[in-house]
């Protein structure tokens, strides 16, 4: 169905739905494995209620749910401190983001996000396209930042309050019509998003100024005419900061989308697929409501909990995916690396491991990085493998078909530092220090070694090989098979790339599978607080201390040594 006159596009602010659901409802975990699902439950119920309410003359012909792809966007390039003062995502919310995407697809709604752009930018682009095509657009959100889009066939709807937001409501909120909202926001700034604006000027004053002078640029050009000294100085002395704020608050309505409005045509959900997802989440009440709506029998409850037994070991569900070293990917170019990074953004997590030349993090040279977002789908990025007998000075040449390290790390850095992507490691302190030496501060992260320790401190070993054998029933490739031993031992940079891929990618694969098993078991073992407030927060603290070292006074230590020697002699 082509989109045009008579069509009605609904754009649901999915990110706002998630946070609203999370803060409005009590914490909820899946009974079978302790996985946090409270926000997913609230989100699914909100989507179901929206579908039920969107009928009659207001029913959409086209619809989509829009999400934020990550914490960093093009606005951080304009102003690095943009949204920097926002608190970190709650740990029990982070694993629920991918599940809300699955919920959206289960309801047969288009699920849209775009790296480097906010959900609001995508909404602005689709609203513009709908308006230009002659159709209507309703934005399901109460976000004030979207009010600049209202008018010309575009309105907003606060679905929770059943309240419509048109031009009159925007004037009531900002004191100016929709097309001047960004002028007011640029002046007033936004403490939540860390938009600076003009010091001392709030929404009401900004609206008065814009109504008097017409627009922001005219106001700045005529700032000397303002009689109040402080207000005049705030505008004159901060003109460029205000203009920058204007760029931050103005939504980009020309984001590079690779689909058309026609592809967003509303389609009824598949009852079996929808109820299958709801049953998997153990949302029994909503499952029954959906079954009643479609006049079908609800699916049977799962026969057994997902995941192995943390005390006795046992193989989790994902172990059904066999370990196959030949299936791992060697990441030799930017295109392949970009695909892995995109997968990390899509899933909301990525297992990461580094290969180096030494166990001493301060001396080790980075040789490669392995990544894994799905069991069995891991890749290794070789960066510092060497070949040959060396030149006159003994330096060996880099092996062919490796990405330049600077280019690869520049691509990895935004993802490794993005608060919306959970990085998963085994003995993360080591990898944290390796990346820190290259200017990358990995956060947030989980550490399977510490998770294991929090659950069963008495285990003989919390090393990856031991954990893999115990919980996955798999013995990873031993490092000695690659490096050898004794005087003939080599460092990892001399391991042939083809062999390194099998070993390194497997490490990331094993780590991800352990995390998928351990994460819900933390809740079941009631040690989440110990892990999240004690064990894990110490990783960057200890890493920073070890990297900085401890300054000592050699002269004082020498004097103390002499004193102690004299005392020992006297004894």
Protein backbone atom coordinates (compact mmCIF):
# COMPACT_ATOMS: atom_id res chain seq x y z
CA UNK A 1 0.00 0.00 0.00
CA UNK A 2 1.52 3.30 -1.07
CA UNK A 3 1.64 6.09 1.49
CA UNK A 4 -0.23 9.29 0.67
CA UNK A 5 -3.44 11.21 1.28
CA UNK A 6 -5.74 9.31 3.62
CA UNK A 7 -2.87 7.38 5.23
CA UNK A 8 -2.06 7.69 8.91
CA UNK A 9 1.41 6.93 10.30
CA UNK A 10 1.88 6.14 13.99
CA UNK A 11 5.41 6.49 15.40
CA UNK A 12 5.88 4.98 18.85
CA UNK A 13 8.74 6.31 20.98
CA UNK A 14 9.98 2.87 22.04
CA UNK A 15 12.80 4.14 24.25
CA UNK A 16 10.36 6.28 26.23
CA UNK A 17 8.03 3.28 26.61
CA UNK A 18 10.88 1.19 28.05
CA UNK A 19 11.91 3.72 30.70
CA UNK A 20 8.31 4.48 31.58
CA UNK A 21 7.63 0.78 32.06
CA UNK A 22 10.80 0.26 34.10
CA UNK A 23 10.12 3.07 36.56
CA UNK A 24 6.37 2.53 36.81
CA UNK A 25 6.41 -1.16 37.68
CA UNK A 26 8.03 -3.16 40.49
CA UNK A 27 11.01 -5.35 39.69
CA UNK A 28 10.02 -8.63 38.05
CA UNK A 29 12.17 -11.64 37.24
CA UNK A 30 11.43 -14.69 35.15
CA UNK A 31 10.73 -17.52 37.58
CA UNK A 32 12.61 -20.16 35.62
CA UNK A 33 16.00 -18.44 35.67
CA UNK A 34 15.79 -15.09 37.50
CA UNK A 35 16.20 -12.98 34.35
CA UNK A 36 14.93 -9.39 34.92
CA UNK A 37 11.84 -8.87 32.73
CA UNK A 38 9.84 -6.15 34.50
CA UNK A 39 10.45 -3.50 31.85
CA UNK A 40 9.72 -6.01 29.08
CA UNK A 41 6.42 -6.93 30.73
CA UNK A 42 5.42 -3.29 31.05
CA UNK A 43 6.54 -2.56 27.49
CA UNK A 44 4.56 -5.50 26.07
CA UNK A 45 1.44 -4.48 27.96
CA UNK A 46 1.79 -0.89 26.76
CA UNK A 47 2.11 -2.04 23.14
CA UNK A 48 -0.89 -4.34 23.53
CA UNK A 49 -2.97 -1.52 25.04
CA UNK A 50 -1.87 0.83 22.27
CA UNK A 51 -3.00 -1.66 19.59
CA UNK A 52 -6.35 -2.11 21.34
CA UNK A 53 -6.92 1.65 21.63
CA UNK A 54 -5.79 2.61 18.12
CA UNK A 55 -9.06 1.86 16.36
CA UNK A 56 -11.72 3.66 14.38
CA UNK A 57 -10.91 6.94 12.68
CA UNK A 58 -7.62 7.16 14.56
CA UNK A 59 -6.39 3.72 13.48
CA UNK A 60 -3.01 3.77 11.74
CA UNK A 61 -2.46 2.47 8.24
CA UNK A 62 1.29 2.44 8.90
CA UNK A 63 3.21 2.16 12.18
CA UNK A 64 6.68 1.67 13.64
CA UNK A 65 8.41 1.57 17.02
CA UNK A 66 11.54 3.71 17.20
CA UNK A 67 14.47 3.06 19.54
CA UNK A 68 17.73 4.76 20.46
CA UNK A 69 20.61 2.71 19.03
CA UNK A 70 23.22 3.80 21.57
CA UNK A 71 24.42 6.48 23.94
CA UNK A 72 26.72 8.29 21.49
CA UNK A 73 25.36 10.22 18.50
CA UNK A 74 26.49 12.96 16.14
CA UNK A 75 25.59 15.45 18.89
CA UNK A 76 28.52 14.19 20.95
CA UNK A 77 30.78 15.27 18.10
CA UNK A 78 29.29 18.76 18.35
CA UNK A 79 29.47 18.81 22.17
CA UNK A 80 31.29 15.89 23.85
CA UNK A 81 29.56 16.56 27.18
CA UNK A 82 26.09 16.13 25.66
CA UNK A 83 24.04 13.92 28.02
CA UNK A 84 27.24 13.26 30.00
CA UNK A 85 25.53 13.93 33.33
CA UNK A 86 22.93 11.20 32.91
CA UNK A 87 23.21 8.32 35.39
CA UNK A 88 24.34 4.92 34.18
CA UNK A 89 21.65 2.50 33.11
CA UNK A 90 20.43 0.24 35.93
CA UNK A 91 22.06 -3.16 35.61
CA UNK A 92 18.76 -5.02 35.70
CA UNK A 93 17.46 -2.88 32.82
CA UNK A 94 20.39 -3.37 30.45
CA UNK A 95 19.63 -7.01 29.42
CA UNK A 96 15.99 -6.08 28.80
CA UNK A 97 16.67 -3.75 25.86
CA UNK A 98 17.16 -6.54 23.30
CA UNK A 99 14.05 -8.28 24.63
CA UNK A 100 11.90 -5.20 23.98
CA UNK A 101 13.04 -5.33 20.35
CA UNK A 102 11.95 -8.98 20.25
CA UNK A 103 8.61 -7.99 21.78
CA UNK A 104 8.12 -5.35 19.08
CA UNK A 105 8.72 -7.89 16.32
CA UNK A 106 6.45 -10.40 18.06
CA UNK A 107 3.63 -7.84 17.76
CA UNK A 108 4.55 -7.62 14.04
CA UNK A 109 5.51 -3.96 14.30
CA UNK A 110 8.49 -2.46 12.51
CA UNK A 111 11.45 -2.05 14.88
CA UNK A 112 13.69 0.86 13.84
CA UNK A 113 16.97 2.24 15.19
CA UNK A 114 19.97 3.89 13.56
CA UNK A 115 23.52 4.18 14.86
CA UNK A 116 24.77 7.75 15.47
CA UNK A 117 21.21 9.13 15.63
CA UNK A 118 18.64 9.43 18.38
CA UNK A 119 15.17 7.95 18.10
CA UNK A 120 13.85 11.52 17.96
CA UNK A 121 15.80 12.16 14.73
CA UNK A 122 14.29 9.09 13.08
CA UNK A 123 10.83 10.17 14.22
CA UNK A 124 11.45 13.65 12.79
CA UNK A 125 12.51 12.18 9.45
CA UNK A 126 9.50 9.85 9.14
CA UNK A 127 7.10 12.60 10.26
CA UNK A 128 8.47 14.91 7.56
CA UNK A 129 8.13 12.19 4.93
CA UNK A 130 4.52 11.53 5.97
CA UNK A 131 3.66 15.22 5.86
CA UNK A 132 5.27 15.71 2.45
CA UNK A 133 3.39 12.67 1.11
CA UNK A 134 0.08 14.24 2.15
CA UNK A 135 -0.65 11.87 5.03
CA UNK A 136 -1.14 12.29 8.76
CA UNK A 137 1.34 11.39 11.49
CA UNK A 138 0.75 10.77 15.18
CA UNK A 139 3.79 10.52 17.46
CA UNK A 140 3.03 8.31 20.47
CA UNK A 141 5.12 10.11 23.08
CA UNK A 142 5.04 12.89 25.65
CA UNK A 143 8.68 13.91 25.08
CA UNK A 144 8.93 17.69 25.00
CA UNK A 145 11.82 17.49 22.54
CA UNK A 146 9.42 16.16 19.89
CA UNK A 147 7.03 19.10 20.21
CA UNK A 148 9.02 21.03 17.61
CA UNK A 149 7.54 18.61 15.04
CA UNK A 150 3.87 19.35 15.79
CA UNK A 151 1.77 20.99 13.07
CA UNK A 152 1.05 20.48 9.39
CA UNK A 153 -0.62 17.10 9.88
CA UNK A 154 1.67 16.00 12.72
CA UNK A 155 0.40 15.67 16.29
CA UNK A 156 1.51 13.91 19.45
CA UNK A 157 -0.35 11.55 21.76
CA UNK A 158 0.53 10.76 25.35
CA UNK A 159 -0.91 7.24 25.29
CA UNK A 160 -0.66 6.79 29.05
CA UNK A 161 -2.79 9.87 29.76
CA UNK A 162 -4.87 9.71 26.58
CA UNK A 163 -3.88 13.33 25.97
CA UNK A 164 -3.35 14.78 22.50
CA UNK A 165 -0.71 17.43 21.91
CA UNK A 166 -1.30 19.90 19.10
CA UNK A 167 -0.06 23.45 18.43
CA UNK A 168 -2.15 24.92 21.28
CA UNK A 169 -0.69 22.50 23.81
CA UNK A 170 2.82 23.32 22.58
CA UNK A 171 2.19 27.04 23.10
CA UNK A 172 0.89 26.25 26.58
CA UNK A 173 4.10 24.30 27.32
CA UNK A 174 6.74 26.57 25.77
CA UNK A 175 5.00 29.91 25.30
CA UNK A 176 5.77 29.85 21.56
CA UNK A 177 4.41 27.96 18.52
CA UNK A 178 6.06 24.66 17.48
CA UNK A 179 8.34 26.25 14.87
CA UNK A 180 9.97 28.40 17.56
CA UNK A 181 10.37 25.68 20.21
CA UNK A 182 14.03 25.07 19.30
CA UNK A 183 14.78 28.80 19.74
CA UNK A 184 13.41 28.65 23.28
CA UNK A 185 15.20 25.38 24.06
CA UNK A 186 18.51 26.74 22.76
CA UNK A 187 18.23 29.74 25.08
CA UNK A 188 16.95 27.91 28.15
CA UNK A 189 19.21 24.88 27.76
CA UNK A 190 18.38 21.48 29.22
CA UNK A 191 19.91 20.22 32.46
CA UNK A 192 18.79 16.64 31.76
CA UNK A 193 20.60 16.47 28.41
CA UNK A 194 23.39 18.82 29.51
CA UNK A 195 22.58 21.42 26.86
CA UNK A 196 24.20 24.63 28.19
CA UNK A 197 21.98 27.38 26.70
CA UNK A 198 22.30 30.93 28.03
CA UNK A 199 23.19 31.24 31.74
CA UNK A 200 20.33 32.55 33.86
CA UNK A 201 17.66 32.31 31.16
CA UNK A 202 14.80 29.85 31.67
CA UNK A 203 11.87 28.76 29.54
CA UNK A 204 9.59 31.69 30.41
CA UNK A 205 12.24 34.34 29.81
CA UNK A 206 13.33 32.63 26.61
CA UNK A 207 9.74 32.61 25.34
CA UNK A 208 9.34 36.32 26.12
CA UNK A 209 12.52 37.14 24.20
CA UNK A 210 11.63 35.01 21.18
CA UNK A 211 8.11 36.42 21.02
CA UNK A 212 9.55 39.94 21.13
CA UNK A 213 12.39 39.49 18.62
CA UNK A 214 10.94 36.75 16.40
CA UNK A 215 13.76 34.21 16.32
CA UNK A 216 17.07 33.34 17.92
CA UNK A 217 19.41 34.90 15.36
CA UNK A 218 17.54 38.20 15.39
CA UNK A 219 17.68 38.19 19.19
CA UNK A 220 21.44 37.59 19.24
CA UNK A 221 22.02 40.27 16.60
CA UNK A 222 20.06 42.81 18.68
CA UNK A 223 21.25 41.70 22.12
CA UNK A 224 22.64 45.17 22.87
CA UNK A 225 19.08 46.55 22.78
CA UNK A 226 18.06 44.54 25.85
CA UNK A 227 17.77 46.78 28.90
CA UNK A 228 18.46 44.21 31.63
CA UNK A 229 22.29 44.10 32.10
CA UNK A 230 22.55 40.44 33.18
CA UNK A 231 20.26 39.23 30.41
CA UNK A 232 22.09 41.33 27.83
CA UNK A 233 25.47 40.01 28.99
CA UNK A 234 24.24 36.39 29.01
CA UNK A 235 23.26 36.67 25.35
CA UNK A 236 26.23 38.70 24.17
CA UNK A 237 28.91 36.72 26.02
CA UNK A 238 27.50 33.27 25.20
CA UNK A 239 26.33 33.72 21.61
CA UNK A 240 28.34 30.81 20.19
CA UNK A 241 27.35 28.54 23.06
CA UNK A 242 23.71 29.37 22.39
CA UNK A 243 24.13 28.65 18.67
CA UNK A 244 25.75 25.32 19.54
CA UNK A 245 22.81 24.57 21.83
CA UNK A 246 20.51 25.29 18.89
CA UNK A 247 22.29 22.59 16.89
CA UNK A 248 21.93 20.16 19.79
CA UNK A 249 18.19 20.63 20.29
CA UNK A 250 17.22 20.76 16.61
CA UNK A 251 16.13 17.33 15.38
CA UNK A 252 17.66 16.02 12.16
CA UNK A 253 14.73 15.26 9.86
CA UNK A 254 16.92 13.91 7.05
CA UNK A 255 18.46 10.83 8.67
CA UNK A 256 19.73 8.23 6.17
CA UNK A 257 16.97 5.60 6.33
CA UNK A 258 17.12 2.60 3.99
CA UNK A 259 13.38 1.87 3.82
CA UNK A 260 10.20 3.59 2.66
CA UNK A 261 6.98 4.52 4.43
CA UNK A 262 5.22 1.84 2.39
CA UNK A 263 7.21 -0.84 4.22
CA UNK A 264 5.64 0.26 7.52
CA UNK A 265 2.12 -0.83 6.57
CA UNK A 266 0.25 -2.24 9.56
CA UNK A 267 -0.07 -6.02 9.65
CA UNK A 268 -1.82 -8.14 12.24
CA UNK A 269 0.49 -10.13 14.51
CA UNK A 270 0.89 -13.88 14.09
CA UNK A 271 -0.91 -15.26 17.20
CA UNK A 272 1.41 -18.26 17.52
CA UNK A 273 4.58 -16.17 17.24
CA UNK A 274 3.27 -13.56 19.67
CA UNK A 275 2.07 -16.05 22.27
CA UNK A 276 5.28 -18.03 21.88
CA UNK A 277 7.29 -14.95 22.85
CA UNK A 278 4.97 -14.08 25.73
CA UNK A 279 5.10 -17.64 27.05
CA UNK A 280 8.90 -17.64 26.78
CA UNK A 281 8.91 -14.49 28.92
CA UNK A 282 6.41 -16.17 31.29
CA UNK A 283 3.87 -13.35 30.90
CA UNK A 284 0.95 -15.67 31.60
CA UNK A 285 -1.74 -13.03 32.05
CA UNK A 286 -0.97 -11.25 28.78
CA UNK A 287 -0.64 -14.61 27.01
CA UNK A 288 -4.20 -15.50 28.04
CA UNK A 289 -5.51 -12.10 26.92
CA UNK A 290 -3.91 -12.52 23.52
CA UNK A 291 -5.26 -16.07 23.23
CA UNK A 292 -8.77 -14.83 24.06
CA UNK A 293 -8.48 -12.00 21.56
CA UNK A 294 -7.53 -14.31 18.70
CA UNK A 295 -9.78 -17.16 19.83
CA UNK A 296 -6.98 -19.71 20.06
CA UNK A 297 -5.67 -21.96 22.81
CA UNK A 298 -2.62 -20.62 24.68
CA UNK A 299 0.60 -22.59 24.19
CA UNK A 300 1.66 -24.99 26.96
CA UNK A 301 4.00 -23.72 29.63
CA UNK A 302 7.72 -24.56 29.23
CA UNK A 303 8.55 -28.02 30.50
CA UNK A 304 11.69 -26.96 32.37
CA UNK A 305 13.69 -23.86 33.22
CA UNK A 306 16.21 -22.63 30.72
CA UNK A 307 19.87 -22.98 31.75
CA UNK A 308 22.03 -25.43 33.64
CA UNK A 309 22.42 -25.98 37.36
CA UNK A 310 25.08 -23.67 38.74
CA UNK A 311 26.01 -25.97 41.59
CA UNK A 312 26.45 -29.22 39.70
CA UNK A 313 27.34 -27.84 36.30
CA UNK A 314 25.19 -28.95 33.41
CA UNK A 315 24.85 -27.66 29.90
CA UNK A 316 22.66 -24.58 29.26
CA UNK A 317 20.31 -24.28 26.31
CA UNK A 318 22.84 -22.42 24.15
CA UNK A 319 25.21 -25.37 24.36
CA UNK A 320 22.99 -26.89 21.65
CA UNK A 321 25.07 -24.70 19.34
CA UNK A 322 28.22 -26.80 18.87
CA UNK A 323 31.71 -25.38 19.23
CA UNK A 324 33.17 -25.30 15.72
CA UNK A 325 36.57 -23.57 15.40
CA UNK A 326 36.28 -23.65 11.60
CA UNK A 327 33.13 -21.50 11.74
CA UNK A 328 34.84 -18.52 13.37
CA UNK A 329 35.51 -15.39 11.34
CA UNK A 330 38.87 -13.75 10.73
CA UNK A 331 38.19 -10.00 10.73
CA UNK A 332 40.64 -8.64 8.18
CA UNK A 333 38.93 -5.44 6.98
CA UNK A 334 36.80 -2.52 8.13
CA UNK A 335 33.64 -3.88 6.49
CA UNK A 336 33.75 -7.13 8.47
CA UNK A 337 34.59 -5.31 11.70
CA UNK A 338 31.71 -2.89 11.14
CA UNK A 339 29.36 -5.86 10.79
CA UNK A 340 30.46 -7.25 14.18
CA UNK A 341 30.05 -3.83 15.79
CA UNK A 342 26.56 -3.54 14.30
CA UNK A 343 25.69 -6.93 15.78
CA UNK A 344 26.83 -5.68 19.20
CA UNK A 345 24.52 -2.67 18.93
CA UNK A 346 21.66 -4.90 17.80
CA UNK A 347 22.07 -7.32 20.71
CA UNK A 348 23.09 -4.81 23.38
CA UNK A 349 26.11 -6.88 24.44
CA UNK A 350 29.37 -8.32 23.13
CA UNK A 351 31.96 -10.66 24.59
CA UNK A 352 35.45 -9.20 24.23
CA UNK A 353 38.90 -10.71 24.70
CA UNK A 354 42.40 -9.47 23.92
CA UNK A 355 45.44 -11.44 22.80
CA UNK A 356 48.83 -10.02 23.76
CA UNK A 357 52.51 -10.88 24.05
CA UNK A 358 52.70 -11.04 27.86
CA UNK A 359 50.76 -11.63 31.06
CA UNK A 360 52.20 -8.34 32.32
CA UNK A 361 49.58 -5.83 31.21
CA UNK A 362 52.02 -2.92 31.40
CA UNK A 363 54.54 -4.61 29.11
CA UNK A 364 52.21 -6.59 26.84
CA UNK A 365 51.76 -5.61 23.21
CA UNK A 366 48.26 -5.90 21.77
CA UNK A 367 48.15 -8.62 19.11
CA UNK A 368 44.43 -9.00 18.45
CA UNK A 369 40.85 -8.67 19.71
CA UNK A 370 38.10 -11.29 19.62
CA UNK A 371 34.37 -10.51 19.61
CA UNK A 372 31.23 -12.61 20.02
CA UNK A 373 27.55 -11.62 20.16
CA UNK A 374 25.91 -15.03 19.62
CA UNK A 375 27.04 -18.52 20.63
CA UNK A 376 29.09 -19.99 17.81
CA UNK A 377 29.35 -16.67 15.97
CA UNK A 378 32.69 -15.25 17.05
CA UNK A 379 35.42 -13.42 15.20
CA UNK A 380 39.08 -12.56 15.73
CA UNK A 381 40.63 -9.27 14.67
CA UNK A 382 44.38 -9.78 14.12
CA UNK A 383 46.38 -6.58 14.59
CA UNK A 384 49.97 -7.39 15.50
CA UNK A 385 50.86 -10.84 14.15
CA UNK A 386 54.38 -11.07 12.73
CA UNK A 387 56.21 -13.29 10.26
CA UNK A 388 59.73 -13.84 8.95
CA UNK A 389 63.14 -13.98 10.51
CA UNK A 390 63.46 -10.26 11.17
CA UNK A 391 65.53 -7.43 9.71
CA UNK A 392 69.10 -6.42 10.60
CA UNK A 393 67.89 -5.26 14.00
CA UNK A 394 65.84 -8.39 14.68
CA UNK A 395 62.45 -6.75 14.08
CA UNK A 396 59.93 -9.03 12.40
CA UNK A 397 57.53 -7.88 9.68
CA UNK A 398 53.78 -7.68 10.24
CA UNK A 399 51.77 -10.48 8.69
CA UNK A 400 49.68 -9.52 5.68
CA UNK A 401 45.95 -8.75 5.64
CA UNK A 402 45.69 -7.16 9.07
CA UNK A 403 43.84 -3.91 9.69
CA UNK A 404 46.02 -1.00 10.81
CA UNK A 405 45.78 -0.95 14.59
CA UNK A 406 44.90 2.75 14.77
CA UNK A 407 42.01 2.30 12.34
CA UNK A 408 40.66 -0.78 14.11
CA UNK A 409 40.83 0.75 17.59
CA UNK A 410 39.18 3.94 16.31
CA UNK A 411 36.26 1.80 15.12
CA UNK A 412 36.10 -0.21 18.35
CA UNK A 413 36.43 2.71 20.79
CA UNK A 414 32.87 4.15 20.48
CA UNK A 415 31.34 0.71 20.98
CA UNK A 416 33.65 -0.26 23.86
CA UNK A 417 32.83 2.99 25.66
CA UNK A 418 29.10 3.07 24.80
CA UNK A 419 27.01 2.70 27.96
CA UNK A 420 24.22 1.00 26.01
CA UNK A 421 26.47 -1.93 25.03
CA UNK A 422 27.48 -4.36 27.77
CA UNK A 423 31.01 -5.69 27.32
CA UNK A 424 31.55 -9.20 28.65
CA UNK A 425 34.98 -10.49 29.60
CA UNK A 426 36.81 -13.16 31.59
CA UNK A 427 39.29 -11.56 34.02
CA UNK A 428 38.23 -8.16 32.71
CA UNK A 429 40.84 -6.25 34.69
CA UNK A 430 43.54 -7.50 32.32
CA UNK A 431 41.65 -6.48 29.17
CA UNK A 432 40.58 -3.18 30.77
CA UNK A 433 44.22 -2.22 31.31
CA UNK A 434 45.25 -3.29 27.80
CA UNK A 435 42.54 -1.11 26.25
CA UNK A 436 43.24 1.76 28.69
CA UNK A 437 46.84 1.90 27.46
CA UNK A 438 45.37 2.56 24.01
CA UNK A 439 43.09 5.35 25.24
CA UNK A 440 39.93 3.25 25.57
CA UNK A 441 37.95 3.11 28.83
CA UNK A 442 35.78 0.01 28.63
CA UNK A 443 32.38 0.46 30.28
CA UNK A 444 30.01 -0.97 31.24
CA UNK A 445 31.11 -4.57 31.58
CA UNK A 446 30.49 -7.94 33.19
CA UNK A 447 33.25 -10.33 34.25
CA UNK A 448 32.47 -14.05 34.20
CA UNK A 449 35.42 -14.81 36.47
CA UNK A 450 34.04 -12.48 39.16
CA UNK A 451 30.50 -13.75 38.60
CA UNK A 452 31.74 -17.28 39.23
CA UNK A 453 33.62 -16.16 42.35
CA UNK A 454 30.55 -14.35 43.70
CA UNK A 455 28.43 -17.48 43.30
CA UNK A 456 30.95 -20.11 44.39
CA UNK A 457 34.03 -18.64 46.03
CA UNK A 458 35.22 -22.09 47.07
CA UNK A 459 35.89 -23.40 43.57
CA UNK A 460 39.49 -24.47 42.97
CA UNK A 461 39.68 -22.39 39.82
CA UNK A 462 37.65 -19.61 38.25
CA UNK A 463 39.77 -19.64 35.09
CA UNK A 464 38.02 -19.86 31.74
CA UNK A 465 39.20 -23.38 30.89
CA UNK A 466 37.99 -24.75 34.23
CA UNK A 467 34.64 -22.95 34.04
CA UNK A 468 34.11 -24.09 30.46
CA UNK A 469 34.76 -27.71 31.35
CA UNK A 470 32.53 -27.55 34.43
CA UNK A 471 29.54 -25.64 33.07
CA UNK A 472 29.69 -26.04 29.28
CA UNK A 473 31.17 -29.52 29.05
CA UNK A 474 33.77 -28.18 26.63
CA UNK A 475 37.56 -28.13 26.86
CA UNK A 476 38.94 -25.05 25.07
CA UNK A 477 42.08 -25.15 22.93
CA UNK A 478 45.04 -25.02 25.38
CA UNK A 479 47.36 -22.07 24.93
CA UNK A 480 50.41 -24.35 25.17
CA UNK A 481 49.38 -26.03 21.93
CA UNK A 482 50.05 -22.70 20.20
CA UNK A 483 52.94 -21.24 22.20
CA UNK A 484 54.83 -24.38 23.21
CA UNK A 485 56.86 -24.47 26.40
CA UNK A 486 60.28 -23.99 27.89
CA UNK A 487 63.02 -22.20 25.98
CA UNK A 488 61.29 -22.91 22.67
CA UNK A 489 58.09 -21.08 23.70
CA UNK A 490 56.97 -18.24 21.43
CA UNK A 491 54.77 -15.22 22.07
CA UNK A 492 51.27 -14.90 20.62
CA UNK A 493 52.30 -12.43 17.92
CA UNK A 494 54.28 -15.25 16.26
CA UNK A 495 51.30 -17.62 16.13
CA UNK A 496 50.01 -17.93 12.53
CA UNK A 497 46.79 -15.95 12.10
CA UNK A 498 44.76 -18.94 10.90
CA UNK A 499 45.59 -20.83 14.11
CA UNK A 500 45.11 -17.76 16.30
CA UNK A 501 41.56 -17.29 14.99
CA UNK A 502 40.45 -20.70 16.28
CA UNK A 503 41.92 -20.12 19.74
CA UNK A 504 41.06 -16.44 20.27
CA UNK A 505 37.53 -16.50 18.86
CA UNK A 506 36.78 -19.57 20.94
CA UNK A 507 37.74 -17.62 24.08
CA UNK A 508 35.10 -14.98 23.31
CA UNK A 509 32.56 -17.67 22.41
CA UNK A 510 33.12 -19.51 25.70
CA UNK A 511 32.96 -16.26 27.67
CA UNK A 512 29.61 -15.31 26.15
CA UNK A 513 28.12 -18.74 26.86
CA UNK A 514 29.32 -18.62 30.46
CA UNK A 515 27.79 -15.16 30.87
CA UNK A 516 24.45 -16.32 29.48
CA UNK A 517 24.47 -19.09 32.09
CA UNK A 518 25.81 -17.06 35.01
CA UNK A 519 23.81 -13.85 34.61
CA UNK A 520 20.38 -15.22 35.61
CA UNK A 521 21.99 -17.49 38.21
CA UNK A 522 23.35 -14.46 40.06
CA UNK A 523 19.76 -13.55 40.90
CA UNK A 524 18.88 -17.11 41.83
CA UNK A 525 21.92 -17.38 44.13
CA UNK A 526 21.02 -13.98 45.65
CA UNK A 527 24.52 -12.60 45.16
CA UNK A 528 23.70 -9.90 42.61
CA UNK A 529 24.34 -7.15 45.16
CA UNK A 530 27.73 -8.60 46.13
CA UNK A 531 28.78 -8.77 42.51
CA UNK A 532 27.37 -5.43 41.34
CA UNK A 533 28.29 -3.28 44.35
CA UNK A 534 31.52 -4.89 45.54
CA UNK A 535 33.33 -7.18 43.11
CA UNK A 536 32.75 -5.54 39.72
CA UNK A 537 33.14 -1.85 40.72
CA UNK A 538 36.62 -2.64 42.07
CA UNK A 539 37.91 -3.68 38.63
CA UNK A 540 38.57 -0.18 37.21
CA UNK A 541 39.65 1.09 40.64
CA UNK A 542 42.32 -1.61 41.03
CA UNK A 543 43.30 -1.30 37.38
CA UNK A 544 43.86 2.45 37.74
CA UNK A 545 45.89 1.92 40.92
CA UNK A 546 48.05 -0.75 39.32
CA UNK A 547 48.65 1.38 36.23
CA UNK A 548 49.54 4.45 38.27
CA UNK A 549 51.72 2.50 40.69
CA UNK A 550 52.72 3.58 44.18
CA UNK A 551 55.29 6.31 44.63
CA UNK A 552 57.91 5.51 47.25
CA UNK A 553 60.63 7.55 48.93
CA UNK A 554 63.81 5.57 48.22
CA UNK A 555 65.90 7.56 50.70
CA UNK A 556 63.43 6.96 53.52
CA UNK A 557 63.25 3.25 52.72
CA UNK A 558 67.05 3.10 52.74
CA UNK A 559 67.20 4.70 56.19
CA UNK A 560 64.53 2.32 57.46
CA UNK A 561 66.53 -0.60 56.08
CA UNK A 562 69.62 0.52 58.00
CA UNK A 563 67.62 0.96 61.21
CA UNK A 564 66.06 -2.49 60.89
CA UNK A 565 69.47 -4.02 60.13
CA UNK A 566 70.90 -2.49 63.30
CA UNK A 567 67.97 -3.79 65.36
CA UNK A 568 68.38 -7.26 63.88
CA UNK A 569 72.09 -7.14 64.71
CA UNK A 570 71.30 -6.23 68.29
CA UNK A 571 69.05 -9.25 68.58
